[in-house]
Amino acid sequence: MQHTIASIEQLTALYGQPLPTSTVKEVDHITPHYRAYIEASPFLALATSGPEGLDCSPRGDLKGFIRVQDEKTLLLPDRMGNNRVDSLRNIVRDPRVGLLFLIPGHGVTLRLNGRAHLSIAPDLLDSFKVDGKPPRSVIVVQVESVYFQCARAVIRAELWNSERHVPASSLPTAGEILAALSDNTIGGKPYDEAWPERARKSMW
């Protein structure tokens, strides 16, 4: 017996056709309703693709940091990070991107797909300054599709239920992970102790 789905026909036979509510919600531009979701979101996951493979990167900032320039264009500042630039490296070589927006306390998420490029236009960078610090670049997304995702996943996960939050003390720290992977040459307790102040000084 075959236990692996290997064709679209098999997949369709198992799941059937999507309901009209699952298809009519998808459009090729940012509607006023979808703009409200984007502007309320302080966090998104950015998916990209490149020669080395796929990447999915968290992006978070003050609410409203994701700017809707017009119904077909989204602007996303690239803030301070670890300088791996996995997502940016991918975008330079393959413009396809997928974004998933989360809104704290809200179950419905928003999905947006499009093509992106990086801008370092001085006026644009300056317009995204926080505490006098501009981003190094801005991701400009040309929207191709946008639609909301129903709340089932967030509800099942009880994502916003504080009683389900995982204590930080129950997980290994970043310093402990770095120490274990580097034979204690980097990381460890000094890394963890320095992290809060280092993060405070390099947030933007």
N, C-alpha and C. Protein backbone atom coordinates (compact mmCIF):
# COMPACT_ATOMS: atom_id res chain seq x y z
N MET A 1 0.84 -1.20 0.00
CA MET A 1 0.00 0.00 0.00
C MET A 1 0.88 1.25 0.00
N GLN A 2 0.52 2.19 -0.85
CA GLN A 2 1.28 3.44 -0.97
C GLN A 2 0.88 4.40 0.14
N HIS A 3 1.86 4.84 0.94
CA HIS A 3 1.58 5.75 2.05
C HIS A 3 2.13 7.16 1.80
N THR A 4 2.66 7.39 0.63
CA THR A 4 3.19 8.71 0.30
C THR A 4 2.37 9.34 -0.81
N ILE A 5 1.91 10.56 -0.59
CA ILE A 5 1.20 11.28 -1.64
C ILE A 5 2.23 11.81 -2.62
N ALA A 6 2.12 11.39 -3.87
CA ALA A 6 3.13 11.72 -4.87
C ALA A 6 2.58 12.49 -6.06
N SER A 7 1.31 12.88 -6.02
CA SER A 7 0.74 13.61 -7.14
C SER A 7 -0.34 14.58 -6.65
N ILE A 8 -0.61 15.59 -7.44
CA ILE A 8 -1.67 16.53 -7.13
C ILE A 8 -3.03 15.84 -7.14
N GLU A 9 -3.17 14.84 -8.02
CA GLU A 9 -4.43 14.11 -8.09
C GLU A 9 -4.71 13.37 -6.77
N GLN A 10 -3.69 12.75 -6.22
CA GLN A 10 -3.84 12.07 -4.92
C GLN A 10 -4.19 13.07 -3.83
N LEU A 11 -3.52 14.21 -3.86
CA LEU A 11 -3.77 15.24 -2.86
C LEU A 11 -5.19 15.75 -2.94
N THR A 12 -5.67 16.00 -4.15
CA THR A 12 -7.04 16.48 -4.35
C THR A 12 -8.06 15.44 -3.90
N ALA A 13 -7.77 14.18 -4.18
CA ALA A 13 -8.68 13.11 -3.76
C ALA A 13 -8.80 13.05 -2.25
N LEU A 14 -7.72 13.36 -1.54
CA LEU A 14 -7.72 13.30 -0.08
C LEU A 14 -8.40 14.52 0.54
N TYR A 15 -8.11 15.71 0.02
CA TYR A 15 -8.58 16.95 0.65
C TYR A 15 -9.79 17.58 -0.04
N GLY A 16 -10.05 17.24 -1.28
CA GLY A 16 -11.16 17.85 -1.99
C GLY A 16 -10.81 19.26 -2.47
N GLN A 17 -11.83 19.98 -2.87
CA GLN A 17 -11.65 21.34 -3.39
C GLN A 17 -11.83 22.37 -2.27
N PRO A 18 -11.12 23.49 -2.35
CA PRO A 18 -11.30 24.53 -1.32
C PRO A 18 -12.68 25.18 -1.42
N LEU A 19 -13.18 25.64 -0.29
CA LEU A 19 -14.46 26.33 -0.26
C LEU A 19 -14.31 27.72 -0.89
N PRO A 20 -15.42 28.30 -1.36
CA PRO A 20 -15.34 29.66 -1.93
C PRO A 20 -14.73 30.68 -0.97
N THR A 21 -14.96 30.50 0.33
CA THR A 21 -14.39 31.44 1.31
C THR A 21 -12.87 31.35 1.36
N SER A 22 -12.31 30.25 0.88
CA SER A 22 -10.86 30.08 0.88
C SER A 22 -10.20 30.68 -0.36
N THR A 23 -11.00 30.97 -1.38
CA THR A 23 -10.43 31.49 -2.62
C THR A 23 -10.79 32.94 -2.89
N VAL A 24 -12.00 33.36 -2.52
CA VAL A 24 -12.41 34.73 -2.81
C VAL A 24 -11.61 35.74 -2.00
N LYS A 25 -11.03 35.30 -0.89
CA LYS A 25 -10.27 36.21 -0.02
C LYS A 25 -8.92 36.60 -0.60
N GLU A 26 -8.44 35.87 -1.62
CA GLU A 26 -7.12 36.14 -2.20
C GLU A 26 -7.22 37.17 -3.31
N VAL A 27 -6.43 38.25 -3.18
CA VAL A 27 -6.41 39.30 -4.19
C VAL A 27 -4.96 39.64 -4.51
N ASP A 28 -4.75 40.43 -5.55
CA ASP A 28 -3.39 40.76 -5.99
C ASP A 28 -2.93 42.13 -5.53
N HIS A 29 -3.61 42.67 -4.53
CA HIS A 29 -3.25 44.00 -4.03
C HIS A 29 -3.67 44.12 -2.57
N ILE A 30 -3.19 45.17 -1.91
CA ILE A 30 -3.51 45.39 -0.51
C ILE A 30 -4.80 46.19 -0.41
N THR A 31 -5.86 45.54 0.06
CA THR A 31 -7.14 46.22 0.24
C THR A 31 -7.11 47.02 1.54
N PRO A 32 -8.08 47.93 1.75
CA PRO A 32 -8.13 48.65 3.04
C PRO A 32 -8.21 47.71 4.23
N HIS A 33 -8.94 46.59 4.10
CA HIS A 33 -9.04 45.63 5.21
C HIS A 33 -7.67 45.02 5.50
N TYR A 34 -6.98 44.61 4.45
CA TYR A 34 -5.67 43.98 4.64
C TYR A 34 -4.63 44.99 5.11
N ARG A 35 -4.78 46.23 4.69
CA ARG A 35 -3.86 47.27 5.16
C ARG A 35 -3.98 47.43 6.68
N ALA A 36 -5.19 47.34 7.20
CA ALA A 36 -5.40 47.46 8.65
C ALA A 36 -4.64 46.36 9.40
N TYR A 37 -4.63 45.14 8.84
CA TYR A 37 -3.90 44.04 9.47
C TYR A 37 -2.39 44.31 9.45
N ILE A 38 -1.89 44.74 8.30
CA ILE A 38 -0.46 44.99 8.17
C ILE A 38 0.00 46.08 9.14
N GLU A 39 -0.76 47.15 9.22
CA GLU A 39 -0.37 48.27 10.06
C GLU A 39 -0.51 47.97 11.55
N ALA A 40 -1.28 46.94 11.90
CA ALA A 40 -1.43 46.54 13.30
C ALA A 40 -0.39 45.52 13.74
N SER A 41 0.38 45.00 12.77
CA SER A 41 1.30 43.91 13.07
C SER A 41 2.69 44.41 13.46
N PRO A 42 3.22 43.95 14.60
CA PRO A 42 4.60 44.27 14.98
C PRO A 42 5.58 43.14 14.66
N PHE A 43 5.07 42.07 14.00
CA PHE A 43 5.91 40.89 13.78
C PHE A 43 5.48 40.15 12.53
N LEU A 44 6.48 39.69 11.77
CA LEU A 44 6.19 38.85 10.62
C LEU A 44 7.32 37.85 10.43
N ALA A 45 7.03 36.79 9.70
CA ALA A 45 8.04 35.84 9.27
C ALA A 45 8.24 36.05 7.78
N LEU A 46 9.50 36.19 7.36
CA LEU A 46 9.85 36.45 5.97
C LEU A 46 10.50 35.21 5.37
N ALA A 47 9.87 34.63 4.37
CA ALA A 47 10.39 33.44 3.71
C ALA A 47 11.02 33.82 2.38
N THR A 48 12.22 33.30 2.13
CA THR A 48 12.93 33.57 0.89
C THR A 48 13.54 32.27 0.35
N SER A 49 14.02 32.35 -0.89
CA SER A 49 14.62 31.18 -1.52
C SER A 49 15.87 31.61 -2.28
N GLY A 50 16.91 30.77 -2.21
CA GLY A 50 18.15 31.07 -2.91
C GLY A 50 18.85 29.80 -3.32
N PRO A 51 20.01 29.92 -3.97
CA PRO A 51 20.74 28.74 -4.45
C PRO A 51 21.10 27.76 -3.33
N GLU A 52 21.32 28.28 -2.11
CA GLU A 52 21.68 27.39 -1.00
C GLU A 52 20.46 26.75 -0.34
N GLY A 53 19.26 27.19 -0.71
CA GLY A 53 18.05 26.62 -0.13
C GLY A 53 17.10 27.68 0.37
N LEU A 54 16.22 27.29 1.27
CA LEU A 54 15.17 28.16 1.79
C LEU A 54 15.59 28.82 3.09
N ASP A 55 14.91 29.93 3.41
CA ASP A 55 15.17 30.62 4.66
C ASP A 55 13.86 31.23 5.14
N CYS A 56 13.67 31.24 6.45
CA CYS A 56 12.52 31.90 7.04
C CYS A 56 13.02 32.69 8.24
N SER A 57 12.84 34.00 8.19
CA SER A 57 13.47 34.89 9.17
C SER A 57 12.43 35.70 9.92
N PRO A 58 12.54 35.82 11.26
CA PRO A 58 11.61 36.67 12.01
C PRO A 58 11.95 38.14 11.83
N ARG A 59 10.93 38.97 11.73
CA ARG A 59 11.11 40.42 11.63
C ARG A 59 10.13 41.09 12.59
N GLY A 60 10.66 41.86 13.52
CA GLY A 60 9.81 42.51 14.50
C GLY A 60 10.27 43.92 14.79
N ASP A 61 9.34 44.79 15.11
CA ASP A 61 9.66 46.18 15.38
C ASP A 61 8.43 46.82 16.01
N LEU A 62 8.47 48.12 16.18
CA LEU A 62 7.32 48.84 16.72
C LEU A 62 6.13 48.70 15.77
N LYS A 63 4.94 48.63 16.32
CA LYS A 63 3.74 48.49 15.49
C LYS A 63 3.71 49.59 14.43
N GLY A 64 3.43 49.18 13.21
CA GLY A 64 3.41 50.14 12.12
C GLY A 64 4.72 50.25 11.38
N PHE A 65 5.72 49.44 11.75
CA PHE A 65 7.03 49.54 11.08
C PHE A 65 6.97 49.06 9.64
N ILE A 66 5.98 48.24 9.32
CA ILE A 66 5.80 47.78 7.95
C ILE A 66 4.95 48.82 7.23
N ARG A 67 5.51 49.46 6.25
CA ARG A 67 4.84 50.59 5.61
C ARG A 67 4.19 50.18 4.29
N VAL A 68 2.91 50.51 4.15
CA VAL A 68 2.21 50.30 2.89
C VAL A 68 2.40 51.56 2.05
N GLN A 69 3.21 51.47 1.02
CA GLN A 69 3.44 52.63 0.16
C GLN A 69 2.24 52.87 -0.76
N ASP A 70 1.72 51.79 -1.32
CA ASP A 70 0.49 51.84 -2.11
C ASP A 70 -0.08 50.43 -2.14
N GLU A 71 -1.15 50.23 -2.86
CA GLU A 71 -1.83 48.93 -2.79
C GLU A 71 -1.02 47.78 -3.39
N LYS A 72 0.06 48.09 -4.09
CA LYS A 72 0.90 47.04 -4.67
C LYS A 72 2.32 47.02 -4.11
N THR A 73 2.61 47.91 -3.15
CA THR A 73 4.00 48.03 -2.68
C THR A 73 4.07 48.09 -1.16
N LEU A 74 4.96 47.28 -0.61
CA LEU A 74 5.17 47.20 0.84
C LEU A 74 6.64 47.51 1.12
N LEU A 75 6.90 48.25 2.20
CA LEU A 75 8.27 48.62 2.57
C LEU A 75 8.58 48.06 3.95
N LEU A 76 9.71 47.35 4.05
CA LEU A 76 10.10 46.68 5.27
C LEU A 76 11.55 47.03 5.61
N PRO A 77 11.79 47.82 6.67
CA PRO A 77 13.17 48.17 7.02
C PRO A 77 13.92 46.96 7.58
N ASP A 78 15.21 46.87 7.23
CA ASP A 78 16.05 45.80 7.77
C ASP A 78 16.84 46.34 8.94
N ARG A 79 16.43 45.98 10.15
CA ARG A 79 17.07 46.50 11.37
C ARG A 79 18.32 45.70 11.74
N MET A 80 18.93 46.12 12.85
CA MET A 80 20.13 45.45 13.34
C MET A 80 19.87 43.96 13.57
N GLY A 81 20.86 43.16 13.25
CA GLY A 81 20.72 41.72 13.43
C GLY A 81 22.07 41.06 13.59
N ASN A 82 22.16 39.82 13.15
CA ASN A 82 23.41 39.07 13.34
C ASN A 82 24.34 39.12 12.14
N ASN A 83 23.96 39.89 11.13
CA ASN A 83 24.78 40.08 9.92
C ASN A 83 24.96 38.82 9.09
N ARG A 84 24.14 37.79 9.33
CA ARG A 84 24.18 36.63 8.43
C ARG A 84 23.57 37.00 7.06
N VAL A 85 22.62 37.92 7.06
CA VAL A 85 21.91 38.40 5.87
C VAL A 85 21.44 37.27 4.95
N ASP A 86 20.98 36.18 5.54
CA ASP A 86 20.49 35.06 4.74
C ASP A 86 19.34 35.49 3.83
N SER A 87 18.36 36.20 4.41
CA SER A 87 17.20 36.62 3.63
C SER A 87 17.60 37.60 2.53
N LEU A 88 18.46 38.55 2.88
CA LEU A 88 18.86 39.56 1.91
C LEU A 88 19.69 38.96 0.78
N ARG A 89 20.56 38.02 1.12
CA ARG A 89 21.35 37.34 0.10
C ARG A 89 20.43 36.60 -0.87
N ASN A 90 19.39 35.99 -0.34
CA ASN A 90 18.44 35.29 -1.19
C ASN A 90 17.70 36.26 -2.10
N ILE A 91 17.22 37.37 -1.54
CA ILE A 91 16.44 38.33 -2.32
C ILE A 91 17.25 38.89 -3.48
N VAL A 92 18.53 39.15 -3.28
CA VAL A 92 19.38 39.68 -4.34
C VAL A 92 19.42 38.72 -5.53
N ARG A 93 19.33 37.41 -5.25
CA ARG A 93 19.45 36.42 -6.32
C ARG A 93 18.12 35.81 -6.76
N ASP A 94 17.13 35.86 -5.88
CA ASP A 94 15.81 35.32 -6.20
C ASP A 94 14.78 36.21 -5.52
N PRO A 95 14.05 37.04 -6.25
CA PRO A 95 13.18 38.05 -5.63
C PRO A 95 11.92 37.51 -4.97
N ARG A 96 11.60 36.25 -5.14
CA ARG A 96 10.35 35.73 -4.58
C ARG A 96 10.38 35.72 -3.05
N VAL A 97 9.31 36.24 -2.44
CA VAL A 97 9.22 36.28 -0.98
C VAL A 97 7.81 35.91 -0.53
N GLY A 98 7.73 35.41 0.69
CA GLY A 98 6.45 35.14 1.34
C GLY A 98 6.49 35.74 2.73
N LEU A 99 5.42 36.43 3.13
CA LEU A 99 5.36 37.06 4.44
C LEU A 99 4.14 36.55 5.19
N LEU A 100 4.33 36.29 6.49
CA LEU A 100 3.24 35.90 7.37
C LEU A 100 3.20 36.86 8.54
N PHE A 101 2.12 37.64 8.64
CA PHE A 101 1.99 38.66 9.68
C PHE A 101 1.22 38.11 10.88
N LEU A 102 1.74 38.39 12.08
CA LEU A 102 1.05 38.05 13.32
C LEU A 102 0.68 39.33 14.06
N ILE A 103 -0.47 39.29 14.72
CA ILE A 103 -0.93 40.42 15.53
C ILE A 103 -1.19 39.90 16.94
N PRO A 104 -0.47 40.38 17.95
CA PRO A 104 -0.65 39.88 19.31
C PRO A 104 -2.11 39.94 19.76
N GLY A 105 -2.58 38.83 20.32
CA GLY A 105 -3.94 38.77 20.82
C GLY A 105 -4.98 38.46 19.77
N HIS A 106 -4.57 38.36 18.50
CA HIS A 106 -5.52 38.15 17.41
C HIS A 106 -5.21 36.83 16.74
N GLY A 107 -6.23 36.07 16.41
CA GLY A 107 -6.03 34.75 15.83
C GLY A 107 -5.78 34.73 14.34
N VAL A 108 -6.45 35.61 13.62
CA VAL A 108 -6.31 35.63 12.17
C VAL A 108 -4.93 36.18 11.79
N THR A 109 -4.26 35.50 10.88
CA THR A 109 -2.98 35.97 10.37
C THR A 109 -3.15 36.42 8.93
N LEU A 110 -2.14 37.08 8.40
CA LEU A 110 -2.20 37.58 7.03
C LEU A 110 -1.02 37.04 6.25
N ARG A 111 -1.28 36.54 5.06
CA ARG A 111 -0.24 36.00 4.19
C ARG A 111 -0.10 36.88 2.95
N LEU A 112 1.15 37.15 2.58
CA LEU A 112 1.41 38.00 1.43
C LEU A 112 2.58 37.43 0.65
N ASN A 113 2.41 37.30 -0.65
CA ASN A 113 3.47 36.82 -1.53
C ASN A 113 3.78 37.88 -2.58
N GLY A 114 5.03 37.92 -3.00
CA GLY A 114 5.40 38.89 -4.01
C GLY A 114 6.85 38.76 -4.41
N ARG A 115 7.37 39.83 -4.99
CA ARG A 115 8.76 39.89 -5.42
C ARG A 115 9.41 41.12 -4.79
N ALA A 116 10.64 40.96 -4.34
CA ALA A 116 11.27 42.02 -3.56
C ALA A 116 12.62 42.43 -4.15
N HIS A 117 13.02 43.64 -3.81
CA HIS A 117 14.38 44.09 -4.05
C HIS A 117 14.81 44.94 -2.87
N LEU A 118 16.11 45.19 -2.76
CA LEU A 118 16.65 45.97 -1.65
C LEU A 118 16.95 47.38 -2.12
N SER A 119 16.54 48.36 -1.31
CA SER A 119 16.81 49.76 -1.62
C SER A 119 17.69 50.37 -0.53
N ILE A 120 18.66 51.17 -0.96
CA ILE A 120 19.48 51.94 -0.02
C ILE A 120 19.38 53.43 -0.35
N ALA A 121 18.25 53.83 -0.93
CA ALA A 121 18.02 55.24 -1.23
C ALA A 121 18.08 56.05 0.06
N PRO A 122 18.94 57.07 0.15
CA PRO A 122 19.12 57.81 1.40
C PRO A 122 17.83 58.36 2.00
N ASP A 123 16.97 58.94 1.19
CA ASP A 123 15.72 59.51 1.70
C ASP A 123 14.83 58.43 2.30
N LEU A 124 14.81 57.28 1.64
CA LEU A 124 13.99 56.17 2.14
C LEU A 124 14.53 55.65 3.47
N LEU A 125 15.85 55.46 3.55
CA LEU A 125 16.45 55.00 4.80
C LEU A 125 16.17 55.98 5.92
N ASP A 126 16.32 57.27 5.65
CA ASP A 126 16.10 58.29 6.67
C ASP A 126 14.65 58.28 7.16
N SER A 127 13.72 57.94 6.29
CA SER A 127 12.30 57.95 6.69
C SER A 127 11.97 56.85 7.67
N PHE A 128 12.88 55.87 7.82
CA PHE A 128 12.65 54.76 8.75
C PHE A 128 13.52 54.87 10.00
N LYS A 129 14.09 56.03 10.26
CA LYS A 129 14.94 56.19 11.43
C LYS A 129 14.19 55.94 12.73
N VAL A 130 14.85 55.27 13.67
CA VAL A 130 14.37 55.12 15.04
C VAL A 130 15.53 55.50 15.96
N ASP A 131 15.28 56.39 16.89
CA ASP A 131 16.36 56.90 17.75
C ASP A 131 17.52 57.46 16.92
N GLY A 132 17.17 58.07 15.78
CA GLY A 132 18.18 58.66 14.93
C GLY A 132 18.96 57.67 14.08
N LYS A 133 18.60 56.39 14.13
CA LYS A 133 19.35 55.36 13.41
C LYS A 133 18.51 54.80 12.25
N PRO A 134 19.00 54.97 11.02
CA PRO A 134 18.28 54.39 9.88
C PRO A 134 18.62 52.92 9.71
N PRO A 135 17.78 52.15 9.04
CA PRO A 135 18.14 50.77 8.70
C PRO A 135 19.24 50.78 7.64
N ARG A 136 19.93 49.67 7.49
CA ARG A 136 20.97 49.59 6.46
C ARG A 136 20.35 49.48 5.06
N SER A 137 19.18 48.87 4.99
CA SER A 137 18.48 48.75 3.71
C SER A 137 16.99 48.62 3.98
N VAL A 138 16.21 48.76 2.94
CA VAL A 138 14.76 48.58 3.02
C VAL A 138 14.36 47.55 1.98
N ILE A 139 13.59 46.56 2.41
CA ILE A 139 13.07 45.54 1.50
C ILE A 139 11.80 46.09 0.87
N VAL A 140 11.81 46.23 -0.44
CA VAL A 140 10.66 46.74 -1.19
C VAL A 140 9.95 45.55 -1.83
N VAL A 141 8.72 45.31 -1.43
CA VAL A 141 7.97 44.14 -1.90
C VAL A 141 6.88 44.57 -2.86
N GLN A 142 6.91 44.03 -4.07
CA GLN A 142 5.83 44.22 -5.04
C GLN A 142 4.83 43.08 -4.83
N VAL A 143 3.63 43.45 -4.42
CA VAL A 143 2.63 42.46 -4.00
C VAL A 143 2.06 41.71 -5.20
N GLU A 144 1.98 40.38 -5.07
CA GLU A 144 1.35 39.55 -6.09
C GLU A 144 0.10 38.86 -5.57
N SER A 145 0.09 38.50 -4.29
CA SER A 145 -1.13 37.93 -3.70
C SER A 145 -1.14 38.21 -2.20
N VAL A 146 -2.34 38.41 -1.67
CA VAL A 146 -2.49 38.66 -0.24
C VAL A 146 -3.84 38.10 0.20
N TYR A 147 -3.85 37.44 1.35
CA TYR A 147 -5.10 36.90 1.87
C TYR A 147 -4.94 36.58 3.35
N PHE A 148 -6.07 36.52 4.05
CA PHE A 148 -6.02 36.20 5.47
C PHE A 148 -6.06 34.70 5.67
N GLN A 149 -5.46 34.25 6.77
CA GLN A 149 -5.46 32.84 7.15
C GLN A 149 -6.34 32.70 8.39
N CYS A 150 -7.24 31.73 8.39
CA CYS A 150 -8.16 31.57 9.51
C CYS A 150 -7.39 31.31 10.81
N ALA A 151 -8.08 31.46 11.92
CA ALA A 151 -7.43 31.48 13.23
C ALA A 151 -7.18 30.10 13.84
N ARG A 152 -7.50 29.02 13.15
CA ARG A 152 -7.41 27.70 13.77
C ARG A 152 -6.03 27.39 14.34
N ALA A 153 -4.97 27.69 13.58
CA ALA A 153 -3.61 27.35 14.04
C ALA A 153 -3.27 28.08 15.33
N VAL A 154 -3.58 29.37 15.39
CA VAL A 154 -3.29 30.16 16.59
C VAL A 154 -4.14 29.68 17.76
N ILE A 155 -5.39 29.34 17.49
CA ILE A 155 -6.28 28.86 18.55
C ILE A 155 -5.79 27.51 19.09
N ARG A 156 -5.43 26.61 18.19
CA ARG A 156 -4.94 25.30 18.62
C ARG A 156 -3.67 25.44 19.45
N ALA A 157 -2.79 26.35 19.04
CA ALA A 157 -1.52 26.55 19.75
C ALA A 157 -1.69 27.31 21.06
N GLU A 158 -2.86 27.94 21.24
CA GLU A 158 -3.09 28.82 22.39
C GLU A 158 -1.93 29.82 22.51
N LEU A 159 -1.60 30.40 21.38
CA LEU A 159 -0.41 31.23 21.29
C LEU A 159 -0.42 32.42 22.23
N TRP A 160 -1.58 33.01 22.44
CA TRP A 160 -1.65 34.22 23.26
C TRP A 160 -2.10 33.93 24.69
N ASN A 161 -2.23 32.66 25.05
CA ASN A 161 -2.64 32.28 26.40
C ASN A 161 -1.41 32.28 27.31
N SER A 162 -1.33 33.25 28.20
CA SER A 162 -0.15 33.38 29.06
C SER A 162 0.07 32.15 29.94
N GLU A 163 -0.99 31.40 30.23
CA GLU A 163 -0.84 30.20 31.04
C GLU A 163 -0.08 29.10 30.30
N ARG A 164 0.01 29.23 28.98
CA ARG A 164 0.72 28.23 28.17
C ARG A 164 2.13 28.68 27.81
N HIS A 165 2.52 29.87 28.26
CA HIS A 165 3.86 30.35 27.94
C HIS A 165 4.92 29.47 28.58
N VAL A 166 6.00 29.23 27.87
CA VAL A 166 7.07 28.35 28.33
C VAL A 166 8.10 29.16 29.12
N PRO A 167 8.38 28.79 30.36
CA PRO A 167 9.39 29.53 31.14
C PRO A 167 10.75 29.48 30.47
N ALA A 168 11.41 30.63 30.41
CA ALA A 168 12.73 30.68 29.78
C ALA A 168 13.71 29.75 30.48
N SER A 169 13.52 29.56 31.77
CA SER A 169 14.44 28.73 32.55
C SER A 169 14.38 27.25 32.16
N SER A 170 13.32 26.85 31.43
CA SER A 170 13.17 25.45 31.05
C SER A 170 13.90 25.12 29.75
N LEU A 171 14.48 26.13 29.10
CA LEU A 171 15.15 25.92 27.82
C LEU A 171 16.62 26.32 27.92
N PRO A 172 17.47 25.73 27.09
CA PRO A 172 18.87 26.15 27.09
C PRO A 172 19.00 27.59 26.61
N THR A 173 19.94 28.33 27.17
CA THR A 173 20.15 29.71 26.76
C THR A 173 21.00 29.76 25.49
N ALA A 174 21.03 30.94 24.86
CA ALA A 174 21.86 31.11 23.67
C ALA A 174 23.33 30.86 24.01
N GLY A 175 23.75 31.34 25.18
CA GLY A 175 25.14 31.13 25.58
C GLY A 175 25.47 29.67 25.75
N GLU A 176 24.55 28.91 26.32
CA GLU A 176 24.78 27.48 26.51
C GLU A 176 24.87 26.75 25.17
N ILE A 177 24.01 27.14 24.23
CA ILE A 177 24.04 26.51 22.90
C ILE A 177 25.36 26.81 22.20
N LEU A 178 25.77 28.09 22.23
CA LEU A 178 27.03 28.47 21.59
C LEU A 178 28.21 27.73 22.21
N ALA A 179 28.22 27.64 23.53
CA ALA A 179 29.31 26.95 24.21
C ALA A 179 29.37 25.48 23.81
N ALA A 180 28.21 24.83 23.74
CA ALA A 180 28.17 23.41 23.41
C ALA A 180 28.63 23.16 21.98
N LEU A 181 28.31 24.09 21.07
CA LEU A 181 28.65 23.89 19.66
C LEU A 181 30.05 24.36 19.31
N SER A 182 30.71 25.04 20.24
CA SER A 182 32.04 25.58 19.94
C SER A 182 33.12 25.04 20.88
N ASP A 183 32.81 23.96 21.57
CA ASP A 183 33.76 23.41 22.56
C ASP A 183 34.17 24.47 23.57
N ASN A 184 33.17 25.27 23.96
CA ASN A 184 33.35 26.30 24.99
C ASN A 184 34.33 27.41 24.60
N THR A 185 34.52 27.60 23.31
CA THR A 185 35.41 28.69 22.88
C THR A 185 34.67 30.02 22.79
N ILE A 186 33.36 29.99 22.59
CA ILE A 186 32.54 31.20 22.60
C ILE A 186 31.26 30.91 23.36
N GLY A 187 30.56 31.97 23.73
CA GLY A 187 29.28 31.79 24.41
C GLY A 187 29.45 31.59 25.90
N GLY A 188 28.59 30.75 26.46
CA GLY A 188 28.64 30.47 27.88
C GLY A 188 27.97 31.56 28.71
N LYS A 189 28.20 31.50 30.00
CA LYS A 189 27.57 32.42 30.94
C LYS A 189 27.92 33.88 30.65
N PRO A 190 29.18 34.22 30.31
CA PRO A 190 29.47 35.62 30.00
C PRO A 190 28.63 36.17 28.85
N TYR A 191 28.37 35.34 27.85
CA TYR A 191 27.54 35.77 26.72
C TYR A 191 26.13 36.10 27.21
N ASP A 192 25.55 35.21 28.00
CA ASP A 192 24.18 35.42 28.50
C ASP A 192 24.09 36.64 29.40
N GLU A 193 25.10 36.85 30.21
CA GLU A 193 25.07 38.00 31.13
C GLU A 193 25.19 39.32 30.38
N ALA A 194 25.92 39.32 29.27
CA ALA A 194 26.13 40.55 28.51
C ALA A 194 25.00 40.84 27.53
N TRP A 195 24.20 39.82 27.24
CA TRP A 195 23.20 39.95 26.18
C TRP A 195 22.18 41.07 26.41
N PRO A 196 21.56 41.19 27.57
CA PRO A 196 20.53 42.24 27.72
C PRO A 196 21.04 43.64 27.41
N GLU A 197 22.23 44.00 27.90
CA GLU A 197 22.76 45.33 27.63
C GLU A 197 23.19 45.46 26.17
N ARG A 198 23.74 44.40 25.62
CA ARG A 198 24.15 44.44 24.21
C ARG A 198 22.93 44.63 23.31
N ALA A 199 21.85 43.95 23.64
CA ALA A 199 20.63 44.09 22.85
C ALA A 199 20.05 45.49 22.98
N ARG A 200 20.08 46.02 24.19
CA ARG A 200 19.54 47.37 24.42
C ARG A 200 20.26 48.41 23.58
N LYS A 201 21.56 48.26 23.42
CA LYS A 201 22.36 49.24 22.70
C LYS A 201 22.32 49.04 21.19
N SER A 202 21.86 47.88 20.75
CA SER A 202 21.89 47.59 19.32
C SER A 202 20.51 47.25 18.75
N MET A 203 19.45 47.71 19.43
CA MET A 203 18.09 47.37 18.99
C MET A 203 17.79 47.95 17.62
N TRP A 204 18.25 49.19 17.39
CA TRP A 204 18.06 49.83 16.09
C TRP A 204 19.38 50.28 15.49
